[in-house]
C-alpha cells in the first residue's frame, strides 16, 4: 500500500511540479516580474520570492526540512511530517528526495520579512522552478504524507481542504487500521487546575475498547500536533474495557498507563491527537479547541 502511495504522489507531481525537471537552457535567475506576466493573474497574497542565493536543494534532512546550496535550512511552511523512526517518516523523506534533491527551487515567504522558526530555519513555501501553480508543501498534504500544522495565513483553508480530501480517500497518514474506531477516546482532561507542570497527571485521557476482541497495543503510538509521542510497551486491552493514560509518571497497570513526560503535552488552547497501530495506520483521532483541526470532537 505504501508503494502505491509513492506512485500516487509521483502522479500528482508529474501533473504539475515535476514538470519543472524539464529545465530551460537559460538557468539564470528567475525574474519575478517576467514570471508573473507569463503566468497571468495568479494570486499570491503577501508572498515574496527568494532568488538571489540558496536556490538549489543540496540535502533532504527529513520530510519537511531541506538544506540549500548556500547552507541555509528551510522548514516547509504550514506542514508537519512524521518524526524520525515513526511510521510514514521514511516515505515523506523519500518523496522529497525524489522531488527536490539537486533541483532548482523557488522559495516563497508569507511576508516581506525573513520569517524563521525558533531553530533559525527559514519558513517557506517551496516550488519547483518551472511550476509555481502548486507548492511541494501542498502536494505533501494532498498525498497524505503531511498534515496541516499551525497554519494561520493565506493558504490555510486551501490546505485544510487538501488534508480533508486525503483523509476521505484514506491515503498515507490517513490510511485506516483494521482496528479503526475500535479503540475510542471517551474523556480528556487537557487543562487541570493550577499549573499544568505541577499537576502532570491532571492531564489525562481515557480510552475504551469498543470491540469484542482482545487487542494488543504493543508498539502503538499516540501523538499530539507538535509531534510529542508515546509508544505503548507491552500492553493488552480486553474487550469492553477502558484505560486511562496519564501524562506524568506512575506505575502502569491494567487500567492506568503513564506517559512519563516531564512537561505538559496537551495545549490548553487546542490540539490534535492521533492513535496509530504498530504499522502506523490510523486507529483514532480527535481535536479540540481550534477551528481548523480535524478529527472527532469530544464534548
Protein backbone atom coordinates (compact mmCIF):
# COMPACT_ATOMS: atom_id res chain seq x y z
CA UNK A 1 0.00 0.00 0.00
CA UNK A 2 2.85 2.40 0.79
CA UNK A 3 4.50 1.67 -2.55
CA UNK A 4 1.17 2.58 -4.15
CA UNK A 5 1.19 5.81 -2.16
CA UNK A 6 4.54 6.84 -3.59
CA UNK A 7 3.21 6.13 -7.09
CA UNK A 8 0.13 8.26 -6.39
CA UNK A 9 2.34 11.06 -5.14
CA UNK A 10 4.52 10.90 -8.22
CA UNK A 11 1.45 11.04 -10.47
CA UNK A 12 0.27 14.14 -8.63
CA UNK A 13 3.62 15.78 -9.11
CA UNK A 14 4.11 14.72 -12.72
CA UNK A 15 0.88 16.53 -13.44
CA UNK A 16 2.37 19.70 -12.07
CA UNK A 17 5.50 20.20 -10.04
CA UNK A 18 7.86 17.70 -11.63
CA UNK A 19 7.36 19.30 -14.98
CA UNK A 20 9.96 21.63 -13.54
CA UNK A 21 12.57 18.92 -14.22
CA UNK A 22 12.49 19.89 -17.89
CA UNK A 23 14.60 22.97 -17.35
CA UNK A 24 15.06 25.65 -19.99
CA UNK A 25 18.50 26.30 -21.41
CA UNK A 26 18.68 29.61 -19.61
CA UNK A 27 19.40 28.72 -15.97
CA UNK A 28 19.83 32.33 -14.78
CA UNK A 29 17.84 33.95 -12.02
CA UNK A 30 14.07 33.98 -12.31
CA UNK A 31 12.80 37.48 -12.96
CA UNK A 32 9.75 37.89 -10.76
CA UNK A 33 8.02 40.40 -13.00
CA UNK A 34 8.50 38.27 -16.11
CA UNK A 35 7.30 35.19 -14.27
CA UNK A 36 4.16 36.98 -13.09
CA UNK A 37 3.48 38.28 -16.59
CA UNK A 38 3.85 34.85 -18.16
CA UNK A 39 1.66 33.15 -15.58
CA UNK A 40 -1.20 35.64 -15.84
CA UNK A 41 -3.24 36.79 -12.94
CA UNK A 42 -2.28 34.45 -10.13
CA UNK A 43 -3.00 35.37 -6.55
CA UNK A 44 -0.15 35.00 -4.08
CA UNK A 45 -1.21 37.10 -1.14
CA UNK A 46 1.74 38.73 0.63
CA UNK A 47 4.28 36.22 -0.72
CA UNK A 48 7.85 37.22 -1.55
CA UNK A 49 10.39 35.29 -3.56
CA UNK A 50 13.91 34.13 -2.66
CA UNK A 51 16.03 34.16 -5.82
CA UNK A 52 19.43 35.67 -5.02
CA UNK A 53 21.06 32.64 -3.37
CA UNK A 54 20.27 29.24 -1.98
CA UNK A 55 18.08 28.12 -4.87
CA UNK A 56 19.33 24.55 -5.26
CA UNK A 57 18.37 21.84 -2.77
CA UNK A 58 21.57 20.13 -1.64
CA UNK A 59 20.25 17.86 1.12
CA UNK A 60 16.97 16.42 2.37
CA UNK A 61 17.00 16.49 6.17
CA UNK A 62 13.58 14.94 6.69
CA UNK A 63 10.08 15.03 5.24
CA UNK A 64 9.57 18.73 5.87
CA UNK A 65 13.09 20.18 6.13
CA UNK A 66 15.69 20.78 3.42
CA UNK A 67 19.15 22.32 3.11
CA UNK A 68 20.03 24.72 0.32
CA UNK A 69 23.31 25.02 -1.56
CA UNK A 70 24.29 28.08 0.50
CA UNK A 71 23.92 26.11 3.75
CA UNK A 72 20.62 27.67 4.79
CA UNK A 73 17.97 25.38 6.29
CA UNK A 74 14.37 25.63 5.08
CA UNK A 75 11.40 24.30 7.03
CA UNK A 76 8.36 23.82 4.79
CA UNK A 77 5.70 26.24 5.98
CA UNK A 78 2.41 25.06 7.49
CA UNK A 79 3.04 21.31 7.23
CA UNK A 80 4.34 18.62 9.56
CA UNK A 81 5.52 15.15 8.60
CA UNK A 82 6.30 12.13 10.78
CA UNK A 83 9.34 12.30 13.05
CA UNK A 84 12.39 10.08 12.57
CA UNK A 85 11.72 6.47 13.50
CA UNK A 86 7.94 6.91 13.33
CA UNK A 87 5.61 5.39 10.70
CA UNK A 88 5.49 7.36 7.42
CA UNK A 89 8.75 9.19 8.20
CA UNK A 90 10.77 7.43 5.51
CA UNK A 91 8.01 7.79 2.90
CA UNK A 92 7.95 11.56 3.42
CA UNK A 93 11.72 11.88 3.23
CA UNK A 94 11.93 9.63 0.16
CA UNK A 95 9.34 11.73 -1.61
CA UNK A 96 11.29 14.95 -1.04
CA UNK A 97 14.47 13.27 -2.29
CA UNK A 98 12.70 12.23 -5.49
CA UNK A 99 11.06 15.61 -5.98
CA UNK A 100 13.64 18.15 -4.76
CA UNK A 101 17.17 16.84 -4.33
CA UNK A 102 19.59 18.78 -6.59
CA UNK A 103 16.65 20.68 -8.09
CA UNK A 104 16.41 24.43 -8.51
CA UNK A 105 13.51 25.75 -6.46
CA UNK A 106 11.74 28.98 -5.71
CA UNK A 107 11.22 29.83 -2.04
CA UNK A 108 8.20 31.91 -1.15
CA UNK A 109 7.63 33.77 2.07
CA UNK A 110 4.32 34.85 3.64
CA UNK A 111 5.59 38.36 4.40
CA UNK A 112 8.31 40.78 3.38
CA UNK A 113 10.26 39.81 6.49
CA UNK A 114 12.73 36.94 6.70
CA UNK A 115 10.49 34.67 8.79
CA UNK A 116 12.31 31.98 10.73
CA UNK A 117 11.36 29.50 13.43
CA UNK A 118 12.89 29.11 16.90
CA UNK A 119 15.68 26.99 15.42
CA UNK A 120 16.65 29.65 12.89
CA UNK A 121 15.20 27.72 9.94
CA UNK A 122 13.57 29.73 7.16
CA UNK A 123 9.81 29.11 6.91
CA UNK A 124 8.92 28.90 3.24
CA UNK A 125 6.60 27.60 0.54
CA UNK A 126 8.78 25.55 -1.81
CA UNK A 127 8.10 25.47 -5.55
CA UNK A 128 9.98 23.76 -8.34
CA UNK A 129 11.47 26.36 -10.63
CA UNK A 130 9.21 25.98 -13.65
CA UNK A 131 5.93 25.27 -11.92
CA UNK A 132 4.60 27.62 -9.29
CA UNK A 133 0.98 26.51 -9.57
CA UNK A 134 1.33 24.20 -6.58
CA UNK A 135 3.91 24.08 -3.81
CA UNK A 136 5.62 20.96 -2.53
CA UNK A 137 4.02 21.80 0.83
CA UNK A 138 0.57 21.40 -0.71
CA UNK A 139 1.48 18.19 -2.51
CA UNK A 140 2.72 16.59 0.72
CA UNK A 141 -0.66 17.30 2.32
CA UNK A 142 -2.61 16.06 -0.71
CA UNK A 143 -0.69 12.78 -0.72
CA UNK A 144 -1.22 12.16 2.99
CA UNK A 145 2.46 12.50 3.85
CA UNK A 146 1.92 15.61 5.98
CA UNK A 147 -0.82 17.24 7.98
CA UNK A 148 -1.59 20.94 8.34
CA UNK A 149 0.36 22.39 11.25
CA UNK A 150 -0.15 25.80 12.90
CA UNK A 151 -1.27 27.39 9.67
CA UNK A 152 -2.64 30.91 10.03
CA UNK A 153 -2.08 32.52 6.65
CA UNK A 154 -3.40 32.93 3.13
CA UNK A 155 -3.31 29.22 2.26
CA UNK A 156 -4.94 27.94 5.44
CA UNK A 157 -8.36 26.99 4.07
CA UNK A 158 -6.95 25.54 0.86
CA UNK A 159 -4.51 23.36 2.79
CA UNK A 160 -7.26 22.13 5.08
CA UNK A 161 -9.34 21.17 2.06
CA UNK A 162 -6.40 19.13 0.78
CA UNK A 163 -5.98 17.44 4.17
CA UNK A 164 -9.68 16.59 4.36
CA UNK A 165 -9.58 15.11 0.85
CA UNK A 166 -6.57 12.96 1.78
CA UNK A 167 -8.41 11.83 4.90
CA UNK A 168 -11.54 10.93 2.94
CA UNK A 169 -9.50 8.92 0.45
CA UNK A 170 -7.58 7.29 3.29
CA UNK A 171 -4.14 7.84 1.81
CA UNK A 172 -0.84 7.95 3.68
CA UNK A 173 -1.18 9.13 7.27
CA UNK A 174 -4.94 8.73 6.94
CA UNK A 175 -4.93 5.09 5.85
CA UNK A 176 -7.19 3.33 8.33
CA UNK A 177 -6.18 0.45 10.55
CA UNK A 178 -8.21 -2.75 10.77
CA UNK A 179 -8.84 -1.52 14.33
CA UNK A 180 -10.16 1.86 13.19
CA UNK A 181 -12.53 3.28 15.84
CA UNK A 182 -12.35 0.10 17.92
CA UNK A 183 -10.27 1.99 20.49
CA UNK A 184 -12.17 5.22 21.16
CA UNK A 185 -11.41 8.13 23.44
CA UNK A 186 -14.17 8.74 25.97
CA UNK A 187 -12.77 11.62 28.05
CA UNK A 188 -9.93 14.12 28.01
CA UNK A 189 -8.51 16.43 30.68
CA UNK A 190 -6.12 18.86 29.00
CA UNK A 191 -6.25 21.86 31.37
CA UNK A 192 -6.10 20.70 35.00
CA UNK A 193 -6.45 23.04 37.96
CA UNK A 194 -3.38 25.07 38.83
CA UNK A 195 -0.12 24.85 36.96
CA UNK A 196 -0.09 22.12 34.31
CA UNK A 197 3.58 21.46 35.05
CA UNK A 198 2.85 20.95 38.76
CA UNK A 199 -0.04 18.60 38.02
CA UNK A 200 1.21 16.43 35.20
CA UNK A 201 -1.17 13.57 35.85
CA UNK A 202 -4.02 16.06 35.80
CA UNK A 203 -3.53 15.85 32.04
CA UNK A 204 -5.01 12.51 31.05
CA UNK A 205 -7.25 10.76 28.55
CA UNK A 206 -9.42 7.69 28.80
CA UNK A 207 -9.88 5.14 26.01
CA UNK A 208 -12.29 2.24 25.67
CA UNK A 209 -12.07 -0.96 23.67
CA UNK A 210 -15.41 -0.95 21.86
CA UNK A 211 -14.89 -4.30 20.19
CA UNK A 212 -15.44 -7.89 21.28
CA UNK A 213 -11.82 -8.97 20.91
CA UNK A 214 -8.64 -8.55 22.93
CA UNK A 215 -6.27 -6.06 21.28
CA UNK A 216 -2.51 -5.96 21.70
CA UNK A 217 -1.45 -2.29 21.78
CA UNK A 218 2.27 -3.02 21.97
CA UNK A 219 4.06 -0.65 19.57
CA UNK A 220 1.01 1.57 19.06
CA UNK A 221 1.71 5.31 19.13
CA UNK A 222 -0.19 8.31 20.47
CA UNK A 223 0.94 11.66 19.12
CA UNK A 224 -0.05 15.29 19.54
CA UNK A 225 0.02 18.02 16.89
CA UNK A 226 3.56 19.10 17.77
CA UNK A 227 4.95 15.58 17.40
CA UNK A 228 5.19 14.56 21.07
CA UNK A 229 4.55 10.84 21.14
CA UNK A 230 4.05 7.91 23.45
CA UNK A 231 4.67 4.33 22.34
CA UNK A 232 2.96 1.54 24.21
CA UNK A 233 5.32 -1.11 25.53
CA UNK A 234 3.68 -4.41 26.43
CA UNK A 235 0.01 -3.61 26.83
CA UNK A 236 -3.10 -5.66 26.09
CA UNK A 237 -6.65 -4.36 26.46
CA UNK A 238 -9.55 -6.72 26.93
CA UNK A 239 -12.94 -6.32 25.17
CA UNK A 240 -15.20 -3.56 26.51
CA UNK A 241 -12.52 -2.40 28.95
CA UNK A 242 -11.35 1.19 29.46
CA UNK A 243 -7.94 2.52 30.39
CA UNK A 244 -6.52 5.95 31.22
CA UNK A 245 -3.23 7.44 30.03
CA UNK A 246 -1.69 9.99 32.41
CA UNK A 247 0.92 12.38 31.07
CA UNK A 248 3.15 12.22 34.17
CA UNK A 249 4.86 9.40 35.99
CA UNK A 250 3.48 6.36 37.78
CA UNK A 251 3.32 2.58 37.67
CA UNK A 252 1.41 1.03 34.79
CA UNK A 253 -1.35 -1.47 35.47
CA UNK A 254 -4.32 -2.95 33.60
CA UNK A 255 -6.33 0.29 33.61
CA UNK A 256 -3.68 3.00 34.07
CA UNK A 257 -0.78 3.88 31.78
CA UNK A 258 1.80 6.64 32.39
CA UNK A 259 3.36 8.65 29.57
CA UNK A 260 6.36 9.64 31.71
CA UNK A 261 6.63 13.15 30.28
CA UNK A 262 8.46 15.87 32.21
CA UNK A 263 6.39 18.63 30.65
CA UNK A 264 2.71 19.10 29.71
CA UNK A 265 1.61 17.52 26.44
CA UNK A 266 -1.82 18.86 25.52
CA UNK A 267 -2.16 22.54 24.64
CA UNK A 268 -4.82 24.42 26.57
CA UNK A 269 -5.91 26.40 23.51
CA UNK A 270 -6.36 23.42 21.20
CA UNK A 271 -4.59 20.31 20.00
CA UNK A 272 -4.97 17.13 17.99
CA UNK A 273 -4.33 13.50 19.00
CA UNK A 274 -3.77 10.60 16.66
CA UNK A 275 -3.62 6.96 17.70
CA UNK A 276 -1.84 4.60 15.30
CA UNK A 277 -1.27 0.88 15.32
CA UNK A 278 2.16 -0.78 15.18
CA UNK A 279 2.27 -0.38 11.38
CA UNK A 280 1.37 3.32 11.51
CA UNK A 281 -2.22 3.00 10.32
CA UNK A 282 -4.83 5.32 11.81
CA UNK A 283 -6.92 3.92 14.67
CA UNK A 284 -8.44 7.12 16.05
CA UNK A 285 -8.02 10.88 16.13
CA UNK A 286 -9.63 13.76 17.93
CA UNK A 287 -9.33 17.51 18.14
CA UNK A 288 -10.38 20.23 20.49
CA UNK A 289 -10.25 23.96 20.79
CA UNK A 290 -9.22 25.11 17.32
CA UNK A 291 -11.45 25.57 14.31
CA UNK A 292 -9.03 24.19 11.75
CA UNK A 293 -8.03 20.93 13.42
CA UNK A 294 -9.73 17.84 12.06
CA UNK A 295 -10.98 14.71 13.74
CA UNK A 296 -13.67 13.66 16.16
CA UNK A 297 -14.54 16.22 18.79
CA UNK A 298 -15.09 15.47 22.46
CA UNK A 299 -17.57 17.48 24.46
